[in-house]
Amino acid sequence: MRLIFSFLFSIAIQLQGMGTQMLNLPSSADELSMGSHATLGGLFPINPALYIANEKHPYLSLNRGNWIGDVSLSQIGYNKIGLDKVFHIGIKYSGLTDLEFRGDIPQDDAVSNFSAYGLILDAGVGFKRLNQSYGISISYVQFGLYTEQSKGVGIDLGYSIKLKNGYSIGLVAKNLGGMTKLENDSPSLPKRFCSGISKEFQFKNFKNSIFGSIEWNSLVSEAKVHLGNRFRWNRLNLLAGYSTSNQVVESSVGIGINFDRYQVIYGTRFGSQDLGFPKLLSIRVLMP
């Protein structure tokens, strides 16, 4: 029994789907629909240099959905401008329940049921200097499987510059840090390095933004390319994305509506591996 239990832990550490890889999961419907882009701003972007907030009132963001394998995703964030900077705090949770533990002898009923979870608490700040933006965020990371836990700290660094004619370039380094031991080994944080370029087109009645990024992950051998598009007309947002690596191709779509104090966006993704359809609902609220 102990041997099987240790084997399950070794599989969990290798896959880390509910471990440190939770740091790679999308945090909003924008990111799910368009991809992870170094020039995409938002309330919880991958680039901490591109936090956004209203000049007079803070933003509250609520995100809820599911990832592949029925992993539940939840995120709450708060952004506020102060001292000519944008400050962000947030909490992100991913969970998987009703996992079954069975012995080496076939049986109808599981020996026990347990769950796995991941928790991220983060705080960051972004600021501008002329046409350049800089940002940093620090995250407390914790995940658990059965009775074991691992904890750690990650640091994200971001940079972006706006060029002429609506072009922007961004650079991001994410998850620089370490974790404590889980069972016998210390899980590795999935260090991510992303660079990207975007272009905005402003027309009389609508605006369109095109994004392109390439991402390197320390736990994955191949680079991943992200392409995304956001079309905005009046109160309507139409989002689309395409991501590809050596073995996986993903496409995604999203739709959003802007109200006076609220924004609602829903996004979903389709993958070539037929492992399910991740989806996220994001709500942005302009606080009093």
Protein backbone atom coordinates (compact mmCIF):
# COMPACT_ATOMS: atom_id res chain seq x y z
CA MET A 1 0.00 0.00 0.00
CA ARG A 2 2.78 2.40 0.91
CA LEU A 3 4.52 1.60 -2.37
CA ILE A 4 1.39 2.44 -4.36
CA PHE A 5 0.89 5.63 -2.39
CA SER A 6 4.45 6.75 -3.11
CA PHE A 7 3.96 5.88 -6.76
CA LEU A 8 0.88 8.13 -6.89
CA PHE A 9 2.90 10.96 -5.44
CA SER A 10 5.69 10.50 -7.97
CA ILE A 11 3.12 10.69 -10.79
CA ALA A 12 1.63 13.84 -9.25
CA ILE A 13 5.07 15.48 -9.01
CA GLN A 14 5.92 14.62 -12.61
CA LEU A 15 2.60 15.82 -14.05
CA GLN A 16 2.05 18.62 -11.55
CA GLY A 17 -1.34 19.34 -13.12
CA MET A 18 -2.64 20.24 -9.70
CA GLY A 19 0.79 21.31 -8.52
CA THR A 20 3.03 24.09 -9.74
CA GLN A 21 1.56 23.88 -13.26
CA MET A 22 -1.49 25.66 -11.85
CA LEU A 23 0.64 28.79 -12.26
CA ASN A 24 0.22 28.35 -16.03
CA LEU A 25 -3.57 28.11 -16.00
CA PRO A 26 -5.49 31.14 -17.34
CA SER A 27 -6.77 33.54 -14.71
CA SER A 28 -9.44 35.28 -16.80
CA ALA A 29 -11.73 34.76 -19.76
CA ASP A 30 -9.60 37.28 -21.70
CA GLU A 31 -6.49 35.13 -21.35
CA LEU A 32 -8.38 31.90 -22.02
CA SER A 33 -9.97 33.35 -25.17
CA MET A 34 -6.95 35.14 -26.68
CA GLY A 35 -3.94 33.35 -25.18
CA SER A 36 -1.11 34.39 -22.87
CA HIS A 37 0.35 37.58 -24.36
CA ALA A 38 3.13 39.80 -23.07
CA THR A 39 1.32 42.90 -24.40
CA LEU A 40 -2.20 42.10 -23.16
CA GLY A 41 -3.24 44.35 -20.29
CA GLY A 42 -5.94 43.60 -17.76
CA LEU A 43 -6.85 43.20 -14.12
CA PHE A 44 -4.80 40.00 -13.84
CA PRO A 45 -2.46 39.89 -16.89
CA ILE A 46 0.58 37.65 -17.26
CA ASN A 47 2.64 40.84 -17.56
CA PRO A 48 2.64 42.74 -14.23
CA ALA A 49 3.64 45.91 -16.08
CA LEU A 50 0.18 45.99 -17.67
CA TYR A 51 -2.15 46.07 -14.67
CA ILE A 52 -5.07 48.39 -15.38
CA ALA A 53 -7.27 50.41 -13.04
CA ASN A 54 -9.67 53.32 -13.17
CA GLU A 55 -8.19 56.67 -12.15
CA LYS A 56 -10.93 57.43 -9.61
CA HIS A 57 -12.30 54.06 -8.51
CA PRO A 58 -10.79 50.61 -7.90
CA TYR A 59 -11.67 47.53 -9.92
CA LEU A 60 -12.83 44.21 -8.51
CA SER A 61 -12.49 41.13 -10.73
CA LEU A 62 -14.29 37.81 -10.24
CA ASN A 63 -13.37 34.78 -12.36
CA ARG A 64 -14.89 31.32 -12.21
CA GLY A 65 -14.71 28.24 -14.46
CA ASN A 66 -13.26 24.82 -15.18
CA TRP A 67 -10.06 23.48 -16.69
CA ILE A 68 -9.28 20.14 -18.33
CA GLY A 69 -10.18 17.17 -16.13
CA ASP A 70 -12.89 19.06 -14.23
CA VAL A 71 -10.34 21.12 -12.33
CA SER A 72 -12.27 24.06 -10.85
CA LEU A 73 -10.77 27.55 -11.24
CA SER A 74 -11.57 30.61 -9.11
CA GLN A 75 -9.86 33.99 -8.93
CA ILE A 76 -10.58 37.27 -7.18
CA GLY A 77 -8.53 40.40 -7.79
CA TYR A 78 -8.49 44.04 -6.70
CA ASN A 79 -6.73 46.83 -8.62
CA LYS A 80 -6.32 50.42 -7.50
CA ILE A 81 -4.32 53.46 -8.63
CA GLY A 82 -2.21 55.28 -6.07
CA LEU A 83 1.01 57.29 -6.11
CA ASP A 84 0.96 57.17 -9.93
CA LYS A 85 1.13 53.38 -9.83
CA VAL A 86 -1.35 50.52 -10.21
CA PHE A 87 -1.47 48.20 -7.20
CA HIS A 88 -2.90 44.69 -7.43
CA ILE A 89 -3.78 42.00 -4.91
CA GLY A 90 -5.42 38.70 -5.76
CA ILE A 91 -6.16 35.14 -4.78
CA LYS A 92 -6.42 32.17 -7.14
CA TYR A 93 -7.66 28.69 -6.30
CA SER A 94 -7.78 25.49 -8.33
CA GLY A 95 -9.25 22.27 -7.00
CA LEU A 96 -10.02 18.68 -7.92
CA THR A 97 -12.30 16.54 -5.76
CA ASP A 98 -13.54 12.93 -5.62
CA LEU A 99 -10.14 11.38 -6.32
CA GLU A 100 -10.11 7.69 -5.37
CA PHE A 101 -7.35 5.78 -3.62
CA ARG A 102 -7.33 2.05 -4.37
CA GLY A 103 -5.06 -0.78 -3.34
CA ASP A 104 -3.25 -3.24 -5.60
CA ILE A 105 -6.16 -5.75 -5.39
CA PRO A 106 -9.16 -4.99 -7.66
CA GLN A 107 -12.25 -4.00 -5.71
CA ASP A 108 -15.60 -2.32 -6.30
CA ASP A 109 -15.23 0.42 -3.70
CA ALA A 110 -12.29 2.78 -3.20
CA VAL A 111 -10.32 2.60 0.02
CA SER A 112 -10.83 6.34 0.46
CA ASN A 113 -11.59 9.55 -1.39
CA PHE A 114 -9.41 12.64 -1.31
CA SER A 115 -8.87 15.92 -3.12
CA ALA A 116 -6.06 18.03 -4.56
CA TYR A 117 -5.83 21.82 -4.53
CA GLY A 118 -3.64 24.75 -5.46
CA LEU A 119 -3.66 28.22 -3.88
CA ILE A 120 -1.92 31.40 -5.01
CA LEU A 121 -1.87 34.71 -3.13
CA ASP A 122 -0.26 37.50 -5.11
CA ALA A 123 0.48 41.21 -4.84
CA GLY A 124 2.04 43.43 -7.45
CA VAL A 125 2.63 46.94 -8.72
CA GLY A 126 2.97 48.42 -12.18
CA PHE A 127 4.02 51.92 -13.24
CA LYS A 128 4.72 53.96 -16.37
CA ARG A 129 7.63 56.15 -17.43
CA LEU A 130 6.72 57.98 -20.63
CA ASN A 131 5.89 55.24 -23.17
CA GLN A 132 7.41 52.42 -21.11
CA SER A 133 5.78 50.30 -18.39
CA TYR A 134 7.39 48.21 -15.65
CA GLY A 135 5.92 45.78 -13.15
CA ILE A 136 6.67 43.22 -10.48
CA SER A 137 4.51 40.80 -8.53
CA ILE A 138 5.22 38.36 -5.71
CA SER A 139 3.16 35.21 -5.17
CA TYR A 140 2.78 32.82 -2.27
CA VAL A 141 2.13 29.36 -3.74
CA GLN A 142 0.70 26.35 -1.93
CA PHE A 143 -0.65 23.07 -3.24
CA GLY A 144 -1.63 19.82 -1.60
CA LEU A 145 -2.45 16.24 -2.47
CA TYR A 146 -4.06 13.95 0.11
CA THR A 147 -2.16 14.82 3.33
CA GLU A 148 0.98 16.27 1.73
CA GLN A 149 1.64 19.96 1.05
CA SER A 150 4.28 22.07 -0.63
CA LYS A 151 4.75 25.84 -0.26
CA GLY A 152 6.86 28.40 -2.05
CA VAL A 153 7.32 31.90 -3.40
CA GLY A 154 7.39 33.08 -7.01
CA ILE A 155 8.35 36.44 -8.54
CA ASP A 156 7.13 37.86 -11.87
CA LEU A 157 8.87 40.65 -13.77
CA GLY A 158 7.36 42.53 -16.70
CA TYR A 159 8.21 45.25 -19.21
CA SER A 160 6.30 46.86 -22.07
CA ILE A 161 6.89 49.71 -24.49
CA LYS A 162 4.43 51.51 -26.76
CA LEU A 163 5.77 52.41 -30.17
CA LYS A 164 4.37 54.52 -32.96
CA ASN A 165 1.39 53.55 -35.11
CA GLY A 166 -0.27 51.48 -32.39
CA TYR A 167 2.50 48.90 -31.92
CA SER A 168 3.52 47.53 -28.49
CA ILE A 169 6.26 45.13 -27.39
CA GLY A 170 6.32 43.21 -24.12
CA LEU A 171 8.70 40.97 -22.17
CA VAL A 172 7.82 38.78 -19.17
CA ALA A 173 9.71 36.49 -16.78
CA LYS A 174 7.40 34.52 -14.49
CA ASN A 175 7.62 32.10 -11.56
CA LEU A 176 11.17 32.86 -10.47
CA GLY A 177 11.44 31.13 -7.10
CA GLY A 178 11.25 27.78 -5.35
CA MET A 179 9.08 25.32 -3.39
CA THR A 180 9.45 23.22 -0.26
CA LYS A 181 9.54 19.41 -0.44
CA LEU A 182 6.50 17.33 -1.32
CA GLU A 183 7.05 13.79 -0.02
CA ASN A 184 10.77 13.43 -0.89
CA ASP A 185 11.32 15.96 -3.69
CA SER A 186 10.91 19.71 -4.11
CA PRO A 187 8.63 20.52 -7.07
CA SER A 188 10.01 22.92 -9.64
CA LEU A 189 8.20 26.13 -10.46
CA PRO A 190 7.39 26.32 -14.20
CA LYS A 191 9.59 29.27 -15.13
CA ARG A 192 8.03 31.08 -18.09
CA PHE A 193 9.63 33.57 -20.44
CA CYS A 194 7.36 35.33 -22.89
CA SER A 195 7.90 38.00 -25.53
CA GLY A 196 5.25 39.49 -27.75
CA ILE A 197 4.09 42.23 -30.07
CA SER A 198 0.65 43.73 -30.67
CA LYS A 199 -0.96 46.22 -33.02
CA GLU A 200 -4.08 48.37 -32.48
CA PHE A 201 -6.30 49.53 -35.31
CA GLN A 202 -8.64 52.42 -34.52
CA PHE A 203 -11.57 52.97 -36.85
CA LYS A 204 -14.51 55.33 -36.60
CA ASN A 205 -16.93 52.97 -34.89
CA PHE A 206 -14.77 50.11 -33.68
CA LYS A 207 -11.29 49.10 -32.51
CA ASN A 208 -9.35 45.94 -33.30
CA SER A 209 -6.21 44.61 -31.56
CA ILE A 210 -3.98 41.81 -32.84
CA PHE A 211 -1.58 39.97 -30.50
CA GLY A 212 1.32 37.61 -31.13
CA SER A 213 3.58 36.02 -28.50
CA ILE A 214 6.06 33.20 -28.09
CA GLU A 215 6.51 31.45 -24.74
CA TRP A 216 9.22 29.24 -23.27
CA ASN A 217 8.48 27.02 -20.24
CA SER A 218 11.22 25.36 -18.19
CA LEU A 219 9.08 22.22 -17.76
CA VAL A 220 8.23 21.88 -21.45
CA SER A 221 10.79 21.18 -24.17
CA GLU A 222 9.06 23.08 -26.99
CA ALA A 223 8.18 26.75 -27.29
CA LYS A 224 4.52 27.74 -27.62
CA VAL A 225 3.18 30.35 -30.01
CA HIS A 226 0.06 32.40 -29.17
CA LEU A 227 -2.03 34.45 -31.60
CA GLY A 228 -5.01 36.51 -30.46
CA ASN A 229 -7.51 39.10 -31.59
CA ARG A 230 -9.90 41.46 -29.80
CA PHE A 231 -12.65 43.27 -31.72
CA ARG A 232 -14.48 46.06 -29.86
CA TRP A 233 -17.58 47.80 -31.13
CA ASN A 234 -19.73 49.95 -28.85
CA ARG A 235 -20.37 47.70 -25.80
CA LEU A 236 -19.50 44.43 -27.55
CA ASN A 237 -16.20 42.52 -27.34
CA LEU A 238 -15.41 39.56 -29.62
CA LEU A 239 -12.29 37.54 -28.71
CA ALA A 240 -10.44 34.79 -30.55
CA GLY A 241 -7.16 32.95 -30.09
CA TYR A 242 -4.93 30.24 -31.51
CA SER A 243 -2.02 28.52 -29.75
CA THR A 244 0.34 25.88 -31.07
CA SER A 245 3.37 23.90 -29.95
CA ASN A 246 5.07 20.84 -31.34
CA GLN A 247 2.30 18.44 -30.31
CA VAL A 248 -0.72 20.51 -29.25
CA VAL A 249 -2.96 22.91 -31.18
CA GLU A 250 -5.62 24.96 -29.39
CA SER A 251 -8.24 27.44 -30.56
CA SER A 252 -10.45 29.62 -28.39
CA VAL A 253 -13.27 32.14 -28.58
CA GLY A 254 -14.94 34.58 -26.23
CA ILE A 255 -17.62 37.21 -26.06
CA GLY A 256 -18.04 40.14 -23.70
CA ILE A 257 -20.42 42.99 -22.96
CA ASN A 258 -19.53 46.30 -21.30
CA PHE A 259 -22.01 48.07 -19.05
CA ASP A 260 -21.57 51.35 -17.22
CA ARG A 261 -19.92 49.84 -14.16
CA TYR A 262 -19.66 46.20 -15.16
CA GLN A 263 -18.02 44.04 -17.79
CA VAL A 264 -18.90 40.38 -18.37
CA ILE A 265 -16.77 38.08 -20.56
CA TYR A 266 -17.21 34.38 -21.27
CA GLY A 267 -14.52 32.31 -22.98
CA THR A 268 -13.90 28.70 -23.94
CA ARG A 269 -11.05 26.74 -25.54
CA PHE A 270 -10.85 23.72 -27.86
CA GLY A 271 -7.77 21.49 -28.03
CA SER A 272 -6.48 18.92 -30.50
CA GLN A 273 -6.12 16.30 -27.74
CA ASP A 274 -9.88 16.12 -27.04
CA LEU A 275 -9.42 16.30 -23.27
CA GLY A 276 -12.35 18.62 -22.60
CA PHE A 277 -13.40 22.22 -23.07
CA PRO A 278 -11.98 24.68 -20.51
CA LYS A 279 -14.26 27.66 -19.88
CA LEU A 280 -14.16 30.80 -17.76
CA LEU A 281 -16.60 33.55 -16.83
CA SER A 282 -15.07 36.89 -15.84
CA ILE A 283 -16.87 39.81 -14.22
CA ARG A 284 -15.26 43.21 -13.71
CA VAL A 285 -16.89 45.63 -11.28
CA LEU A 286 -16.05 49.34 -10.95
CA MET A 287 -16.22 49.94 -7.19
CA PRO A 288 -17.64 53.13 -5.63
